[in-house]
N, C-alpha and C. Protein backbone atom coordinates (compact mmCIF):
# COMPACT_ATOMS: atom_id res chain seq x y z
N MET A 1 -0.28 23.06 -5.19
CA MET A 1 0.18 22.87 -6.56
C MET A 1 1.33 21.86 -6.56
N ALA A 2 1.24 20.89 -7.43
CA ALA A 2 2.28 19.88 -7.55
C ALA A 2 3.46 20.45 -8.34
N THR A 3 4.64 19.98 -8.01
CA THR A 3 5.84 20.35 -8.75
C THR A 3 6.29 19.16 -9.58
N VAL A 4 6.37 19.37 -10.89
CA VAL A 4 6.76 18.31 -11.82
C VAL A 4 8.11 18.68 -12.40
N LYS A 5 9.05 17.74 -12.32
CA LYS A 5 10.39 17.97 -12.87
C LYS A 5 10.63 17.00 -14.01
N LEU A 6 11.21 17.52 -15.09
CA LEU A 6 11.58 16.71 -16.24
C LEU A 6 13.02 17.00 -16.61
N CYS A 7 13.68 16.01 -17.14
CA CYS A 7 15.02 16.17 -17.68
C CYS A 7 14.89 16.84 -19.05
N SER A 8 15.77 17.77 -19.37
CA SER A 8 15.68 18.49 -20.64
C SER A 8 15.86 17.57 -21.84
N SER A 9 16.50 16.42 -21.67
CA SER A 9 16.66 15.49 -22.79
C SER A 9 15.48 14.54 -22.94
N ASN A 10 14.52 14.63 -22.02
CA ASN A 10 13.34 13.79 -22.06
C ASN A 10 12.40 14.29 -23.15
N GLU A 11 12.00 13.42 -24.06
CA GLU A 11 11.13 13.83 -25.17
C GLU A 11 9.77 14.33 -24.70
N LEU A 12 9.39 14.02 -23.46
CA LEU A 12 8.10 14.48 -22.95
C LEU A 12 8.06 16.00 -22.78
N THR A 13 9.24 16.66 -22.73
CA THR A 13 9.25 18.11 -22.56
C THR A 13 8.60 18.82 -23.73
N LYS A 14 8.48 18.15 -24.86
CA LYS A 14 7.87 18.74 -26.05
C LYS A 14 6.45 18.24 -26.30
N SER A 15 5.90 17.47 -25.37
CA SER A 15 4.60 16.84 -25.59
C SER A 15 3.45 17.85 -25.51
N GLU A 16 2.40 17.56 -26.24
CA GLU A 16 1.19 18.40 -26.21
C GLU A 16 0.52 18.33 -24.84
N ALA A 17 0.58 17.17 -24.20
CA ALA A 17 -0.02 17.03 -22.86
C ALA A 17 0.64 17.98 -21.88
N LEU A 18 1.95 18.05 -21.94
CA LEU A 18 2.68 18.94 -21.03
C LEU A 18 2.35 20.40 -21.33
N LYS A 19 2.26 20.74 -22.60
CA LYS A 19 1.91 22.12 -22.98
C LYS A 19 0.52 22.48 -22.48
N GLN A 20 -0.41 21.52 -22.51
CA GLN A 20 -1.77 21.78 -22.02
C GLN A 20 -1.75 22.04 -20.52
N ILE A 21 -0.99 21.24 -19.77
CA ILE A 21 -0.90 21.42 -18.32
C ILE A 21 -0.30 22.79 -18.00
N VAL A 22 0.73 23.18 -18.73
CA VAL A 22 1.36 24.48 -18.51
C VAL A 22 0.36 25.61 -18.77
N ARG A 23 -0.42 25.49 -19.84
CA ARG A 23 -1.44 26.51 -20.14
C ARG A 23 -2.48 26.59 -19.03
N ASP A 24 -2.87 25.44 -18.51
CA ASP A 24 -3.88 25.41 -17.44
C ASP A 24 -3.31 25.84 -16.10
N ALA A 25 -1.98 25.84 -15.99
CA ALA A 25 -1.28 26.25 -14.76
C ALA A 25 -1.71 25.45 -13.54
N SER A 26 -2.03 24.19 -13.74
CA SER A 26 -2.45 23.36 -12.61
C SER A 26 -1.28 22.67 -11.91
N VAL A 27 -0.11 22.73 -12.53
CA VAL A 27 1.10 22.20 -11.90
C VAL A 27 2.26 23.14 -12.20
N ASP A 28 3.27 23.09 -11.35
CA ASP A 28 4.48 23.87 -11.55
C ASP A 28 5.48 22.97 -12.27
N ILE A 29 5.85 23.32 -13.51
CA ILE A 29 6.74 22.50 -14.33
C ILE A 29 8.15 23.06 -14.27
N MET A 30 9.12 22.19 -14.00
CA MET A 30 10.53 22.57 -14.00
C MET A 30 11.28 21.63 -14.94
N VAL A 31 11.94 22.19 -15.94
CA VAL A 31 12.77 21.39 -16.83
C VAL A 31 14.21 21.64 -16.42
N LYS A 32 14.90 20.59 -16.05
CA LYS A 32 16.28 20.69 -15.56
C LYS A 32 17.21 20.00 -16.54
N ASP A 33 18.48 20.35 -16.49
CA ASP A 33 19.47 19.67 -17.33
C ASP A 33 19.59 18.20 -16.94
N CYS A 34 19.52 17.92 -15.65
CA CYS A 34 19.64 16.54 -15.17
C CYS A 34 18.90 16.41 -13.85
N LEU A 35 18.22 15.29 -13.70
CA LEU A 35 17.51 15.01 -12.44
C LEU A 35 18.27 14.01 -11.58
N GLY A 36 19.42 13.54 -12.06
CA GLY A 36 20.22 12.59 -11.29
C GLY A 36 19.72 11.16 -11.40
N ASN A 37 18.91 10.87 -12.37
CA ASN A 37 18.40 9.51 -12.59
C ASN A 37 18.78 9.05 -13.99
N CYS A 38 20.06 9.21 -14.33
CA CYS A 38 20.50 8.99 -15.71
C CYS A 38 20.26 7.56 -16.18
N GLY A 39 20.46 6.58 -15.33
CA GLY A 39 20.22 5.20 -15.74
C GLY A 39 18.78 4.99 -16.11
N GLN A 40 17.88 5.50 -15.30
CA GLN A 40 16.45 5.37 -15.57
C GLN A 40 16.06 6.24 -16.77
N CYS A 41 16.63 7.40 -16.88
CA CYS A 41 16.33 8.30 -17.99
C CYS A 41 16.70 7.65 -19.32
N TYR A 42 17.76 6.87 -19.31
CA TYR A 42 18.19 6.17 -20.52
C TYR A 42 17.19 5.09 -20.92
N LEU A 43 16.58 4.44 -19.92
CA LEU A 43 15.68 3.32 -20.17
C LEU A 43 14.21 3.71 -20.30
N ASP A 44 13.77 4.69 -19.53
CA ASP A 44 12.35 5.02 -19.44
C ASP A 44 12.10 6.51 -19.65
N ARG A 45 10.88 6.82 -20.05
CA ARG A 45 10.42 8.21 -20.01
C ARG A 45 9.74 8.37 -18.65
N PHE A 46 10.17 9.36 -17.91
CA PHE A 46 9.58 9.54 -16.59
C PHE A 46 9.54 11.01 -16.22
N VAL A 47 8.72 11.30 -15.23
CA VAL A 47 8.67 12.62 -14.62
C VAL A 47 8.81 12.42 -13.12
N LYS A 48 9.27 13.46 -12.46
CA LYS A 48 9.34 13.46 -11.01
C LYS A 48 8.25 14.40 -10.52
N VAL A 49 7.32 13.87 -9.75
CA VAL A 49 6.23 14.67 -9.20
C VAL A 49 6.41 14.70 -7.70
N ASP A 50 6.73 15.89 -7.19
CA ASP A 50 6.96 16.06 -5.75
C ASP A 50 7.89 14.96 -5.22
N GLN A 51 9.02 14.76 -5.88
CA GLN A 51 10.06 13.80 -5.51
C GLN A 51 9.68 12.34 -5.75
N ARG A 52 8.51 12.08 -6.32
CA ARG A 52 8.07 10.72 -6.63
C ARG A 52 8.27 10.50 -8.13
N ILE A 53 8.95 9.42 -8.50
CA ILE A 53 9.20 9.14 -9.91
C ILE A 53 8.02 8.38 -10.49
N ILE A 54 7.52 8.87 -11.63
CA ILE A 54 6.42 8.23 -12.32
C ILE A 54 6.88 7.92 -13.74
N VAL A 55 6.88 6.64 -14.09
CA VAL A 55 7.26 6.21 -15.43
C VAL A 55 6.04 6.37 -16.33
N ILE A 56 6.26 7.00 -17.48
CA ILE A 56 5.19 7.33 -18.40
C ILE A 56 5.37 6.56 -19.70
N ASN A 57 4.30 5.96 -20.20
CA ASN A 57 4.37 5.23 -21.46
C ASN A 57 4.01 6.07 -22.67
N ASP A 58 3.07 7.02 -22.49
CA ASP A 58 2.65 7.85 -23.62
C ASP A 58 2.11 9.18 -23.10
N GLU A 59 1.78 10.08 -24.02
CA GLU A 59 1.32 11.41 -23.63
C GLU A 59 0.01 11.39 -22.88
N GLU A 60 -0.88 10.48 -23.23
CA GLU A 60 -2.16 10.39 -22.53
C GLU A 60 -1.95 10.04 -21.05
N GLU A 61 -1.05 9.10 -20.82
CA GLU A 61 -0.74 8.74 -19.43
C GLU A 61 -0.07 9.89 -18.70
N LEU A 62 0.78 10.64 -19.41
CA LEU A 62 1.41 11.82 -18.81
C LEU A 62 0.34 12.80 -18.35
N LEU A 63 -0.61 13.09 -19.20
CA LEU A 63 -1.68 14.02 -18.85
C LEU A 63 -2.47 13.51 -17.65
N ASP A 64 -2.83 12.24 -17.66
CA ASP A 64 -3.58 11.65 -16.55
C ASP A 64 -2.82 11.78 -15.24
N GLN A 65 -1.53 11.44 -15.26
CA GLN A 65 -0.72 11.47 -14.04
C GLN A 65 -0.53 12.91 -13.53
N LEU A 66 -0.34 13.85 -14.45
CA LEU A 66 -0.15 15.24 -14.03
C LEU A 66 -1.44 15.83 -13.47
N LEU A 67 -2.56 15.50 -14.07
CA LEU A 67 -3.85 15.97 -13.54
C LEU A 67 -4.13 15.36 -12.17
N LYS A 68 -3.78 14.10 -12.02
CA LYS A 68 -3.94 13.44 -10.72
C LYS A 68 -3.05 14.11 -9.67
N ALA A 69 -1.81 14.39 -10.02
CA ALA A 69 -0.89 15.04 -9.09
C ALA A 69 -1.39 16.42 -8.72
N ALA A 70 -1.92 17.14 -9.69
CA ALA A 70 -2.44 18.48 -9.42
C ALA A 70 -3.62 18.43 -8.47
N SER A 71 -4.51 17.45 -8.65
CA SER A 71 -5.66 17.36 -7.78
C SER A 71 -5.29 16.92 -6.37
N GLU A 72 -4.26 16.10 -6.25
CA GLU A 72 -3.80 15.66 -4.92
C GLU A 72 -3.14 16.80 -4.18
N ALA A 73 -2.54 17.74 -4.90
CA ALA A 73 -1.84 18.84 -4.27
C ALA A 73 -2.78 19.92 -3.74
N ASP A 74 -4.01 19.94 -4.24
CA ASP A 74 -4.97 20.98 -3.81
C ASP A 74 -5.47 20.76 -2.41
């Protein structure tokens, strides 16, 4: 199972794609106050998947990347 970390101020934490992944339980989601990437967080929407930073442009891409990470972790 992949571990996905998001900053609590990241708007992706409220996305429908993320809610779908949580319902499916295919990845372990952790929302933290800060991931230590404040400069990047200010500029980009991103998630950290198993310590790898993935910049996300929209919810569809978020879903694709999380499903890919989940399948790689199996």
